[in-house]
Amino acid sequence: MKAAVVPAVSSSWQIRDVPQPQPGPNQVLVKMHASGICYTDVHLTLGHFPGPFPRILGHEPVGEIVAVAPDVTTRKVGDRVGTAWIQSTCGRCEWCPPCASSPVPFM
């Protein structure tokens, strides 16, 4: 599949072929038709968020479900969906204090 990738901290964004993931437990795979790219992606590019590189950019996509895990019962292949950027958090790191409306300091 094609993805917008930042290979290393502060490097240029590149369109690359990457392996297509498979849905894990309680997950679906969405073929993206459109995705947001915004200043959050700049923060990701600059390494302001923890995590390894390379990183795939873009968030809040809309698209079509193309695969579902066996335990998923509320969605099916062919459903059109939109997703939020943050699906879940641990709630314990410095970027996510309790009752915070935004999980990171620069949003």
PDB file of N, CA and C in Angstrom:
ATOM      1  N   MET A   1       0.844  -1.171   0.000  1.00  0.00           N
ATOM      2  CA  MET A   1       0.000   0.000   0.000  1.00  0.00           C
ATOM      3  C   MET A   1       0.889   1.234   0.000  1.00  0.00           C
ATOM      4  N   LYS A   2       0.361   2.343  -0.427  1.00  0.00           N
ATOM      5  CA  LYS A   2       1.084   3.612  -0.429  1.00  0.00           C
ATOM      6  C   LYS A   2       0.840   4.328   0.900  1.00  0.00           C
ATOM      7  N   ALA A   3       1.878   5.022   1.391  1.00  0.00           N
ATOM      8  CA  ALA A   3       1.750   5.778   2.629  1.00  0.00           C
ATOM      9  C   ALA A   3       2.694   6.975   2.592  1.00  0.00           C
ATOM     10  N   ALA A   4       2.300   8.038   3.284  1.00  0.00           N
ATOM     11  CA  ALA A   4       3.185   9.188   3.489  1.00  0.00           C
ATOM     12  C   ALA A   4       4.064   8.853   4.685  1.00  0.00           C
ATOM     13  N   VAL A   5       5.367   8.759   4.465  1.00  0.00           N
ATOM     14  CA  VAL A   5       6.307   8.276   5.482  1.00  0.00           C
ATOM     15  C   VAL A   5       7.338   9.362   5.780  1.00  0.00           C
ATOM     16  N   VAL A   6       7.647   9.541   7.059  1.00  0.00           N
ATOM     17  CA  VAL A   6       8.802  10.344   7.451  1.00  0.00           C
ATOM     18  C   VAL A   6       9.831   9.333   7.973  1.00  0.00           C
ATOM     19  N   PRO A   7      10.962   9.165   7.254  1.00  0.00           N
ATOM     20  CA  PRO A   7      11.903   8.100   7.595  1.00  0.00           C
ATOM     21  C   PRO A   7      12.748   8.358   8.835  1.00  0.00           C
ATOM     22  N   ALA A   8      13.013   9.622   9.170  1.00  0.00           N
ATOM     23  CA  ALA A   8      13.864   9.952  10.312  1.00  0.00           C
ATOM     24  C   ALA A   8      13.481  11.336  10.817  1.00  0.00           C
ATOM     25  N   VAL A   9      13.918  11.678  12.013  1.00  0.00           N
ATOM     26  CA  VAL A   9      13.613  12.982  12.605  1.00  0.00           C
ATOM     27  C   VAL A   9      14.001  14.097  11.631  1.00  0.00           C
ATOM     28  N   SER A  10      13.080  15.017  11.416  1.00  0.00           N
ATOM     29  CA  SER A  10      13.281  16.219  10.596  1.00  0.00           C
ATOM     30  C   SER A  10      13.594  15.934   9.129  1.00  0.00           C
ATOM     31  N   SER A  11      13.251  14.751   8.647  1.00  0.00           N
ATOM     32  CA  SER A  11      13.505  14.430   7.244  1.00  0.00           C
ATOM     33  C   SER A  11      12.292  14.766   6.385  1.00  0.00           C
ATOM     34  N   SER A  12      12.486  14.758   5.091  1.00  0.00           N
ATOM     35  CA  SER A  12      11.405  15.057   4.143  1.00  0.00           C
ATOM     36  C   SER A  12      10.389  13.921   4.112  1.00  0.00           C
ATOM     37  N   TRP A  13       9.130  14.286   3.911  1.00  0.00           N
ATOM     38  CA  TRP A  13       8.079  13.296   3.749  1.00  0.00           C
ATOM     39  C   TRP A  13       8.234  12.629   2.404  1.00  0.00           C
ATOM     40  N   GLN A  14       7.946  11.323   2.368  1.00  0.00           N
ATOM     41  CA  GLN A  14       8.062  10.552   1.141  1.00  0.00           C
ATOM     42  C   GLN A  14       6.834   9.669   0.975  1.00  0.00           C
ATOM     43  N   ILE A  15       6.421   9.482  -0.266  1.00  0.00           N
ATOM     44  CA  ILE A  15       5.368   8.502  -0.556  1.00  0.00           C
ATOM     45  C   ILE A  15       6.081   7.192  -0.845  1.00  0.00           C
ATOM     46  N   ARG A  16       5.753   6.162  -0.054  1.00  0.00           N
ATOM     47  CA  ARG A  16       6.432   4.867  -0.184  1.00  0.00           C
ATOM     48  C   ARG A  16       5.413   3.736  -0.226  1.00  0.00           C
ATOM     49  N   ASP A  17       5.862   2.629  -0.786  1.00  0.00           N
ATOM     50  CA  ASP A  17       5.106   1.380  -0.667  1.00  0.00           C
ATOM     51  C   ASP A  17       5.491   0.756   0.668  1.00  0.00           C
ATOM     52  N   VAL A  18       4.500   0.412   1.475  1.00  0.00           N
ATOM     53  CA  VAL A  18       4.737  -0.220   2.777  1.00  0.00           C
ATOM     54  C   VAL A  18       3.861  -1.462   2.873  1.00  0.00           C
ATOM     55  N   PRO A  19       4.231  -2.412   3.726  1.00  0.00           N
ATOM     56  CA  PRO A  19       3.397  -3.610   3.878  1.00  0.00           C
ATOM     57  C   PRO A  19       2.005  -3.254   4.407  1.00  0.00           C
ATOM     58  N   GLN A  20       1.004  -3.923   3.879  1.00  0.00           N
ATOM     59  CA  GLN A  20      -0.357  -3.698   4.362  1.00  0.00           C
ATOM     60  C   GLN A  20      -0.545  -4.421   5.681  1.00  0.00           C
ATOM     61  N   PRO A  21      -0.986  -3.716   6.714  1.00  0.00           N
ATOM     62  CA  PRO A  21      -1.217  -4.385   8.000  1.00  0.00           C
ATOM     63  C   PRO A  21      -2.460  -5.267   7.948  1.00  0.00           C
ATOM     64  N   GLN A  22      -2.544  -6.181   8.889  1.00  0.00           N
ATOM     65  CA  GLN A  22      -3.738  -7.009   9.048  1.00  0.00           C
ATOM     66  C   GLN A  22      -4.377  -6.636  10.375  1.00  0.00           C
ATOM     67  N   PRO A  23      -5.692  -6.636  10.459  1.00  0.00           N
ATOM     68  CA  PRO A  23      -6.332  -6.257  11.714  1.00  0.00           C
ATOM     69  C   PRO A  23      -6.058  -7.270  12.819  1.00  0.00           C
ATOM     70  N   GLY A  24      -5.739  -6.747  13.997  1.00  0.00           N
ATOM     71  CA  GLY A  24      -5.575  -7.581  15.180  1.00  0.00           C
ATOM     72  C   GLY A  24      -6.905  -7.713  15.899  1.00  0.00           C
ATOM     73  N   PRO A  25      -6.896  -8.304  17.090  1.00  0.00           N
ATOM     74  CA  PRO A  25      -8.138  -8.461  17.848  1.00  0.00           C
ATOM     75  C   PRO A  25      -8.871  -7.133  18.030  1.00  0.00           C
ATOM     76  N   ASN A  26     -10.158  -7.154  17.787  1.00  0.00           N
ATOM     77  CA  ASN A  26     -11.039  -5.996  17.959  1.00  0.00           C
ATOM     78  C   ASN A  26     -10.661  -4.831  17.036  1.00  0.00           C
ATOM     79  N   GLN A  27     -10.067  -5.119  15.886  1.00  0.00           N
ATOM     80  CA  GLN A  27      -9.667  -4.081  14.949  1.00  0.00           C
ATOM     81  C   GLN A  27     -10.269  -4.326  13.567  1.00  0.00           C
ATOM     82  N   VAL A  28     -10.313  -3.245  12.779  1.00  0.00           N
ATOM     83  CA  VAL A  28     -10.677  -3.325  11.368  1.00  0.00           C
ATOM     84  C   VAL A  28      -9.555  -2.684  10.557  1.00  0.00           C
ATOM     85  N   LEU A  29      -9.480  -3.019   9.285  1.00  0.00           N
ATOM     86  CA  LEU A  29      -8.535  -2.391   8.373  1.00  0.00           C
ATOM     87  C   LEU A  29      -9.325  -1.484   7.449  1.00  0.00           C
ATOM     88  N   VAL A  30      -8.907  -0.210   7.385  1.00  0.00           N
ATOM     89  CA  VAL A  30      -9.609   0.788   6.589  1.00  0.00           C
ATOM     90  C   VAL A  30      -8.744   1.191   5.398  1.00  0.00           C
ATOM     91  N   LYS A  31      -9.290   1.082   4.201  1.00  0.00           N
ATOM     92  CA  LYS A  31      -8.640   1.629   3.013  1.00  0.00           C
ATOM     93  C   LYS A  31      -8.987   3.111   2.997  1.00  0.00           C
ATOM     94  N   MET A  32      -7.981   3.939   3.149  1.00  0.00           N
ATOM     95  CA  MET A  32      -8.210   5.372   3.265  1.00  0.00           C
ATOM     96  C   MET A  32      -8.537   5.981   1.906  1.00  0.00           C
ATOM     97  N   HIS A  33      -9.587   6.787   1.901  1.00  0.00           N
ATOM     98  CA  HIS A  33      -9.949   7.548   0.710  1.00  0.00           C
ATOM     99  C   HIS A  33      -9.460   8.987   0.835  1.00  0.00           C
ATOM    100  N   ALA A  34      -9.355   9.487   2.073  1.00  0.00           N
ATOM    101  CA  ALA A  34      -8.849  10.835   2.337  1.00  0.00           C
ATOM    102  C   ALA A  34      -8.339  10.872   3.769  1.00  0.00           C
ATOM    103  N   SER A  35      -7.369  11.760   4.004  1.00  0.00           N
ATOM    104  CA  SER A  35      -6.789  11.870   5.345  1.00  0.00           C
ATOM    105  C   SER A  35      -6.336  13.291   5.595  1.00  0.00           C
ATOM    106  N   GLY A  36      -6.409  13.708   6.862  1.00  0.00           N
ATOM    107  CA  GLY A  36      -5.895  15.013   7.234  1.00  0.00           C
ATOM    108  C   GLY A  36      -4.381  14.999   7.324  1.00  0.00           C
ATOM    109  N   ILE A  37      -3.775  16.078   6.924  1.00  0.00           N
ATOM    110  CA  ILE A  37      -2.367  16.346   7.167  1.00  0.00           C
ATOM    111  C   ILE A  37      -2.356  17.751   7.754  1.00  0.00           C
ATOM    112  N   CYS A  38      -1.818  17.905   8.963  1.00  0.00           N
ATOM    113  CA  CYS A  38      -1.841  19.217   9.596  1.00  0.00           C
ATOM    114  C   CYS A  38      -0.578  19.406  10.437  1.00  0.00           C
ATOM    115  N   TYR A  39      -0.587  20.420  11.288  1.00  0.00           N
ATOM    116  CA  TYR A  39       0.628  20.717  12.037  1.00  0.00           C
ATOM    117  C   TYR A  39       1.001  19.608  13.010  1.00  0.00           C
ATOM    118  N   THR A  40       0.056  18.778  13.394  1.00  0.00           N
ATOM    119  CA  THR A  40       0.393  17.608  14.211  1.00  0.00           C
ATOM    120  C   THR A  40       1.419  16.743  13.484  1.00  0.00           C
ATOM    121  N   ASP A  41       1.289  16.627  12.179  1.00  0.00           N
ATOM    122  CA  ASP A  41       2.246  15.842  11.400  1.00  0.00           C
ATOM    123  C   ASP A  41       3.634  16.487  11.394  1.00  0.00           C
ATOM    124  N   VAL A  42       3.683  17.815  11.490  1.00  0.00           N
ATOM    125  CA  VAL A  42       4.972  18.497  11.629  1.00  0.00           C
ATOM    126  C   VAL A  42       5.609  18.125  12.967  1.00  0.00           C
ATOM    127  N   HIS A  43       4.804  18.135  14.040  1.00  0.00           N
ATOM    128  CA  HIS A  43       5.319  17.711  15.349  1.00  0.00           C
ATOM    129  C   HIS A  43       5.839  16.272  15.290  1.00  0.00           C
ATOM    130  N   LEU A  44       5.106  15.399  14.605  1.00  0.00           N
ATOM    131  CA  LEU A  44       5.558  14.015  14.447  1.00  0.00           C
ATOM    132  C   LEU A  44       6.874  13.958  13.684  1.00  0.00           C
ATOM    133  N   THR A  45       6.983  14.762  12.641  1.00  0.00           N
ATOM    134  CA  THR A  45       8.201  14.806  11.825  1.00  0.00           C
ATOM    135  C   THR A  45       9.403  15.279  12.635  1.00  0.00           C
ATOM    136  N   LEU A  46       9.181  16.250  13.498  1.00  0.00           N
ATOM    137  CA  LEU A  46      10.271  16.826  14.291  1.00  0.00           C
ATOM    138  C   LEU A  46      10.628  15.989  15.514  1.00  0.00           C
ATOM    139  N   GLY A  47       9.883  14.897  15.752  1.00  0.00           N
ATOM    140  CA  GLY A  47      10.185  14.020  16.875  1.00  0.00           C
ATOM    141  C   GLY A  47       9.663  14.516  18.205  1.00  0.00           C
ATOM    142  N   HIS A  48       8.671  15.411  18.187  1.00  0.00           N
ATOM    143  CA  HIS A  48       8.113  15.935  19.436  1.00  0.00           C
ATOM    144  C   HIS A  48       7.262  14.915  20.189  1.00  0.00           C
ATOM    145  N   PHE A  49       6.804  13.886  19.498  1.00  0.00           N
ATOM    146  CA  PHE A  49       6.052  12.801  20.123  1.00  0.00           C
ATOM    147  C   PHE A  49       6.988  11.612  20.292  1.00  0.00           C
ATOM    148  N   PRO A  50       6.848  10.873  21.392  1.00  0.00           N
ATOM    149  CA  PRO A  50       7.704   9.696  21.560  1.00  0.00           C
ATOM    150  C   PRO A  50       7.355   8.619  20.541  1.00  0.00           C
ATOM    151  N   GLY A  51       8.321   7.786  20.240  1.00  0.00           N
ATOM    152  CA  GLY A  51       8.085   6.669  19.333  1.00  0.00           C
ATOM    153  C   GLY A  51       9.156   6.567  18.272  1.00  0.00           C
ATOM    154  N   PRO A  52       9.222   5.409  17.640  1.00  0.00           N
ATOM    155  CA  PRO A  52      10.284   5.140  16.662  1.00  0.00           C
ATOM    156  C   PRO A  52       9.984   5.744  15.280  1.00  0.00           C
ATOM    157  N   PHE A  53      11.022   5.862  14.501  1.00  0.00           N
ATOM    158  CA  PHE A  53      10.939   6.207  13.079  1.00  0.00           C
ATOM    159  C   PHE A  53      11.322   4.967  12.298  1.00  0.00           C
ATOM    160  N   PRO A  54      10.855   4.796  11.065  1.00  0.00           N
ATOM    161  CA  PRO A  54      10.013   5.697  10.286  1.00  0.00           C
ATOM    162  C   PRO A  54       8.583   5.747  10.827  1.00  0.00           C
ATOM    163  N   ARG A  55       7.896   6.829  10.489  1.00  0.00           N
ATOM    164  CA  ARG A  55       6.508   7.041  10.908  1.00  0.00           C
ATOM    165  C   ARG A  55       5.638   7.261   9.675  1.00  0.00           C
ATOM    166  N   ILE A  56       4.423   6.750   9.746  1.00  0.00           N
ATOM    167  CA  ILE A  56       3.446   6.995   8.692  1.00  0.00           C
ATOM    168  C   ILE A  56       2.589   8.169   9.145  1.00  0.00           C
ATOM    169  N   LEU A  57       2.479   9.170   8.281  1.00  0.00           N
ATOM    170  CA  LEU A  57       1.763  10.398   8.618  1.00  0.00           C
ATOM    171  C   LEU A  57       0.312  10.347   8.160  1.00  0.00           C
ATOM    172  N   GLY A  58      -0.439  11.323   8.632  1.00  0.00           N
ATOM    173  CA  GLY A  58      -1.846  11.448   8.289  1.00  0.00           C
ATOM    174  C   GLY A  58      -2.702  10.893   9.412  1.00  0.00           C
ATOM    175  N   HIS A  59      -3.822  11.537   9.643  1.00  0.00           N
ATOM    176  CA  HIS A  59      -4.711  11.092  10.707  1.00  0.00           C
ATOM    177  C   HIS A  59      -6.125  11.572  10.403  1.00  0.00           C
ATOM    178  N   GLU A  60      -7.056  11.099  11.203  1.00  0.00           N
ATOM    179  CA  GLU A  60      -8.467  11.379  11.007  1.00  0.00           C
ATOM    180  C   GLU A  60      -8.920  10.994   9.591  1.00  0.00           C
ATOM    181  N   PRO A  61      -8.598   9.767   9.168  1.00  0.00           N
ATOM    182  CA  PRO A  61      -8.960   9.358   7.806  1.00  0.00           C
ATOM    183  C   PRO A  61     -10.433   9.003   7.667  1.00  0.00           C
ATOM    184  N   VAL A  62     -10.874   9.025   6.431  1.00  0.00           N
ATOM    185  CA  VAL A  62     -12.166   8.457   6.065  1.00  0.00           C
ATOM    186  C   VAL A  62     -11.904   7.430   4.975  1.00  0.00           C
ATOM    187  N   GLY A  63     -12.690   6.386   4.975  1.00  0.00           N
ATOM    188  CA  GLY A  63     -12.479   5.349   3.980  1.00  0.00           C
ATOM    189  C   GLY A  63     -13.470   4.217   4.127  1.00  0.00           C
ATOM    190  N   GLU A  64     -13.042   3.054   3.669  1.00  0.00           N
ATOM    191  CA  GLU A  64     -13.908   1.881   3.610  1.00  0.00           C
ATOM    192  C   GLU A  64     -13.225   0.710   4.311  1.00  0.00           C
ATOM    193  N   ILE A  65     -13.975   0.003   5.129  1.00  0.00           N
ATOM    194  CA  ILE A  65     -13.438  -1.181   5.805  1.00  0.00           C
ATOM    195  C   ILE A  65     -13.215  -2.279   4.774  1.00  0.00           C
ATOM    196  N   VAL A  66     -11.979  -2.824   4.754  1.00  0.00           N
ATOM    197  CA  VAL A  66     -11.642  -3.883   3.797  1.00  0.00           C
ATOM    198  C   VAL A  66     -11.332  -5.214   4.482  1.00  0.00           C
ATOM    199  N   ALA A  67     -11.193  -5.202   5.817  1.00  0.00           N
ATOM    200  CA  ALA A  67     -10.981  -6.448   6.564  1.00  0.00           C
ATOM    201  C   ALA A  67     -11.391  -6.215   8.009  1.00  0.00           C
ATOM    202  N   VAL A  68     -11.901  -7.258   8.645  1.00  0.00           N
ATOM    203  CA  VAL A  68     -12.280  -7.175  10.062  1.00  0.00           C
ATOM    204  C   VAL A  68     -11.718  -8.382  10.805  1.00  0.00           C
ATOM    205  N   ALA A  69     -11.363  -8.162  12.056  1.00  0.00           N
ATOM    206  CA  ALA A  69     -10.934  -9.280  12.900  1.00  0.00           C
ATOM    207  C   ALA A  69     -12.144 -10.152  13.218  1.00  0.00           C
ATOM    208  N   PRO A  70     -11.914 -11.434  13.491  1.00  0.00           N
ATOM    209  CA  PRO A  70     -13.037 -12.341  13.753  1.00  0.00           C
ATOM    210  C   PRO A  70     -13.933 -11.916  14.913  1.00  0.00           C
ATOM    211  N   ASP A  71     -13.378 -11.194  15.894  1.00  0.00           N
ATOM    212  CA  ASP A  71     -14.182 -10.817  17.053  1.00  0.00           C
ATOM    213  C   ASP A  71     -14.945  -9.505  16.869  1.00  0.00           C
ATOM    214  N   VAL A  72     -14.824  -8.848  15.729  1.00  0.00           N
ATOM    215  CA  VAL A  72     -15.537  -7.596  15.470  1.00  0.00           C
ATOM    216  C   VAL A  72     -16.949  -7.919  15.008  1.00  0.00           C
ATOM    217  N   THR A  73     -17.931  -7.380  15.715  1.00  0.00           N
ATOM    218  CA  THR A  73     -19.327  -7.663  15.388  1.00  0.00           C
ATOM    219  C   THR A  73     -20.116  -6.410  15.021  1.00  0.00           C
ATOM    220  N   THR A  74     -19.557  -5.227  15.232  1.00  0.00           N
ATOM    221  CA  THR A  74     -20.311  -3.991  14.997  1.00  0.00           C
ATOM    222  C   THR A  74     -19.976  -3.322  13.668  1.00  0.00           C
ATOM    223  N   ARG A  75     -19.028  -3.852  12.926  1.00  0.00           N
ATOM    224  CA  ARG A  75     -18.646  -3.312  11.623  1.00  0.00           C
ATOM    225  C   ARG A  75     -18.471  -4.471  10.656  1.00  0.00           C
ATOM    226  N   LYS A  76     -18.553  -4.153   9.327  1.00  0.00           N
ATOM    227  CA  LYS A  76     -18.373  -5.200   8.325  1.00  0.00           C
ATOM    228  C   LYS A  76     -17.605  -4.636   7.134  1.00  0.00           C
ATOM    229  N   VAL A  77     -17.032  -5.528   6.342  1.00  0.00           N
ATOM    230  CA  VAL A  77     -16.346  -5.129   5.118  1.00  0.00           C
ATOM    231  C   VAL A  77     -17.326  -4.346   4.256  1.00  0.00           C
ATOM    232  N   GLY A  78     -16.859  -3.219   3.735  1.00  0.00           N
ATOM    233  CA  GLY A  78     -17.696  -2.365   2.901  1.00  0.00           C
ATOM    234  C   GLY A  78     -18.257  -1.160   3.631  1.00  0.00           C
ATOM    235  N   ASP A  79     -18.272  -1.177   4.974  1.00  0.00           N
ATOM    236  CA  ASP A  79     -18.761  -0.017   5.730  1.00  0.00           C
ATOM    237  C   ASP A  79     -17.866   1.186   5.463  1.00  0.00           C
ATOM    238  N   ARG A  80     -18.464   2.350   5.296  1.00  0.00           N
ATOM    239  CA  ARG A  80     -17.720   3.607   5.185  1.00  0.00           C
ATOM    240  C   ARG A  80     -17.549   4.160   6.592  1.00  0.00           C
ATOM    241  N   VAL A  81     -16.326   4.574   6.922  1.00  0.00           N
ATOM    242  CA  VAL A  81     -16.034   5.033   8.271  1.00  0.00           C
ATOM    243  C   VAL A  81     -15.107   6.243   8.261  1.00  0.00           C
ATOM    244  N   GLY A  82     -15.138   6.961   9.356  1.00  0.00           N
ATOM    245  CA  GLY A  82     -14.164   8.001   9.658  1.00  0.00           C
ATOM    246  C   GLY A  82     -13.624   7.692  11.045  1.00  0.00           C
ATOM    247  N   THR A  83     -12.378   8.033  11.285  1.00  0.00           N
ATOM    248  CA  THR A  83     -11.785   7.693  12.582  1.00  0.00           C
ATOM    249  C   THR A  83     -11.189   8.924  13.246  1.00  0.00           C
ATOM    250  N   ALA A  84     -11.097   8.868  14.551  1.00  0.00           N
ATOM    251  CA  ALA A  84     -10.422   9.908  15.323  1.00  0.00           C
ATOM    252  C   ALA A  84      -8.928   9.624  15.331  1.00  0.00           C
ATOM    253  N   TRP A  85      -8.135  10.661  15.555  1.00  0.00           N
ATOM    254  CA  TRP A  85      -6.680  10.505  15.552  1.00  0.00           C
ATOM    255  C   TRP A  85      -6.215   9.611  16.690  1.00  0.00           C
ATOM    256  N   ILE A  86      -6.698   9.851  17.890  1.00  0.00           N
ATOM    257  CA  ILE A  86      -6.267   9.068  19.056  1.00  0.00           C
ATOM    258  C   ILE A  86      -7.377   8.093  19.409  1.00  0.00           C
ATOM    259  N   GLN A  87      -7.078   6.812  19.298  1.00  0.00           N
ATOM    260  CA  GLN A  87      -8.070   5.778  19.591  1.00  0.00           C
ATOM    261  C   GLN A  87      -8.146   5.459  21.078  1.00  0.00           C
ATOM    262  N   SER A  88      -6.990   5.444  21.745  1.00  0.00           N
ATOM    263  CA  SER A  88      -6.960   5.181  23.180  1.00  0.00           C
ATOM    264  C   SER A  88      -5.597   5.603  23.711  1.00  0.00           C
ATOM    265  N   THR A  89      -5.534   5.817  24.996  1.00  0.00           N
ATOM    266  CA  THR A  89      -4.272   6.186  25.643  1.00  0.00           C
ATOM    267  C   THR A  89      -4.150   5.447  26.963  1.00  0.00           C
ATOM    268  N   CYS A  90      -2.930   5.412  27.481  1.00  0.00           N
ATOM    269  CA  CYS A  90      -2.719   4.799  28.795  1.00  0.00           C
ATOM    270  C   CYS A  90      -3.136   5.756  29.901  1.00  0.00           C
ATOM    271  N   GLY A  91      -3.108   7.083  29.625  1.00  0.00           N
ATOM    272  CA  GLY A  91      -3.505   8.076  30.611  1.00  0.00           C
ATOM    273  C   GLY A  91      -2.476   8.325  31.694  1.00  0.00           C
ATOM    274  N   ARG A  92      -1.261   7.790  31.538  1.00  0.00           N
ATOM    275  CA  ARG A  92      -0.273   7.901  32.605  1.00  0.00           C
ATOM    276  C   ARG A  92       0.964   8.723  32.250  1.00  0.00           C
ATOM    277  N   CYS A  93       1.219   9.001  30.970  1.00  0.00           N
ATOM    278  CA  CYS A  93       2.454   9.713  30.638  1.00  0.00           C
ATOM    279  C   CYS A  93       2.263  11.225  30.791  1.00  0.00           C
ATOM    280  N   GLU A  94       3.345  11.976  30.682  1.00  0.00           N
ATOM    281  CA  GLU A  94       3.307  13.413  30.910  1.00  0.00           C
ATOM    282  C   GLU A  94       2.414  14.159  29.919  1.00  0.00           C
ATOM    283  N   TRP A  95       2.124  13.569  28.739  1.00  0.00           N
ATOM    284  CA  TRP A  95       1.305  14.252  27.748  1.00  0.00           C
ATOM    285  C   TRP A  95      -0.187  14.049  27.976  1.00  0.00           C
ATOM    286  N   CYS A  96      -0.553  13.268  28.958  1.00  0.00           N
ATOM    287  CA  CYS A  96      -1.969  12.929  29.140  1.00  0.00           C
ATOM    288  C   CYS A  96      -2.353  13.000  30.614  1.00  0.00           C
ATOM    289  N   PRO A  97      -2.341  14.185  31.214  1.00  0.00           N
ATOM    290  CA  PRO A  97      -2.761  14.274  32.612  1.00  0.00           C
ATOM    291  C   PRO A  97      -4.250  13.959  32.751  1.00  0.00           C
ATOM    292  N   PRO A  98      -4.668  13.503  33.910  1.00  0.00           N
ATOM    293  CA  PRO A  98      -6.094  13.199  34.099  1.00  0.00           C
ATOM    294  C   PRO A  98      -6.971  14.404  33.771  1.00  0.00           C
ATOM    295  N   CYS A  99      -8.080  14.146  33.134  1.00  0.00           N
ATOM    296  CA  CYS A  99      -9.082  15.145  32.785  1.00  0.00           C
ATOM    297  C   CYS A  99      -8.592  16.160  31.746  1.00  0.00           C
ATOM    298  N   ALA A 100      -7.505  15.892  31.071  1.00  0.00           N
ATOM    299  CA  ALA A 100      -7.021  16.803  30.037  1.00  0.00           C
ATOM    300  C   ALA A 100      -7.912  16.699  28.808  1.00  0.00           C
ATOM    301  N   SER A 101      -8.275  17.831  28.237  1.00  0.00           N
ATOM    302  CA  SER A 101      -9.090  17.780  27.028  1.00  0.00           C
ATOM    303  C   SER A 101      -8.235  17.503  25.803  1.00  0.00           C
ATOM    304  N   SER A 102      -6.939  17.748  25.910  1.00  0.00           N
ATOM    305  CA  SER A 102      -6.011  17.479  24.808  1.00  0.00           C
ATOM    306  C   SER A 102      -4.861  16.655  25.350  1.00  0.00           C
ATOM    307  N   PRO A 103      -4.513  15.553  24.703  1.00  0.00           N
ATOM    308  CA  PRO A 103      -3.512  14.649  25.254  1.00  0.00           C
ATOM    309  C   PRO A 103      -2.064  15.087  25.086  1.00  0.00           C
ATOM    310  N   VAL A 104      -1.814  16.167  24.344  1.00  0.00           N
ATOM    311  CA  VAL A 104      -0.438  16.604  24.153  1.00  0.00           C
ATOM    312  C   VAL A 104      -0.341  18.104  24.415  1.00  0.00           C
ATOM    313  N   PRO A 105       0.822  18.601  24.850  1.00  0.00           N
ATOM    314  CA  PRO A 105       0.918  19.995  25.287  1.00  0.00           C
ATOM    315  C   PRO A 105       0.784  21.035  24.186  1.00  0.00           C
ATOM    316  N   PHE A 106       0.993  20.684  22.925  1.00  0.00           N
ATOM    317  CA  PHE A 106       0.953  21.711  21.890  1.00  0.00           C
ATOM    318  C   PHE A 106      -0.264  21.616  21.009  1.00  0.00           C
ATOM    319  N   MET A 107      -1.333  21.038  21.487  1.00  0.00           N
ATOM    320  CA  MET A 107      -2.554  20.963  20.675  1.00  0.00           C
ATOM    321  C   MET A 107      -3.611  21.833  21.287  1.00  0.00           C
TER     322      MET A 107
END
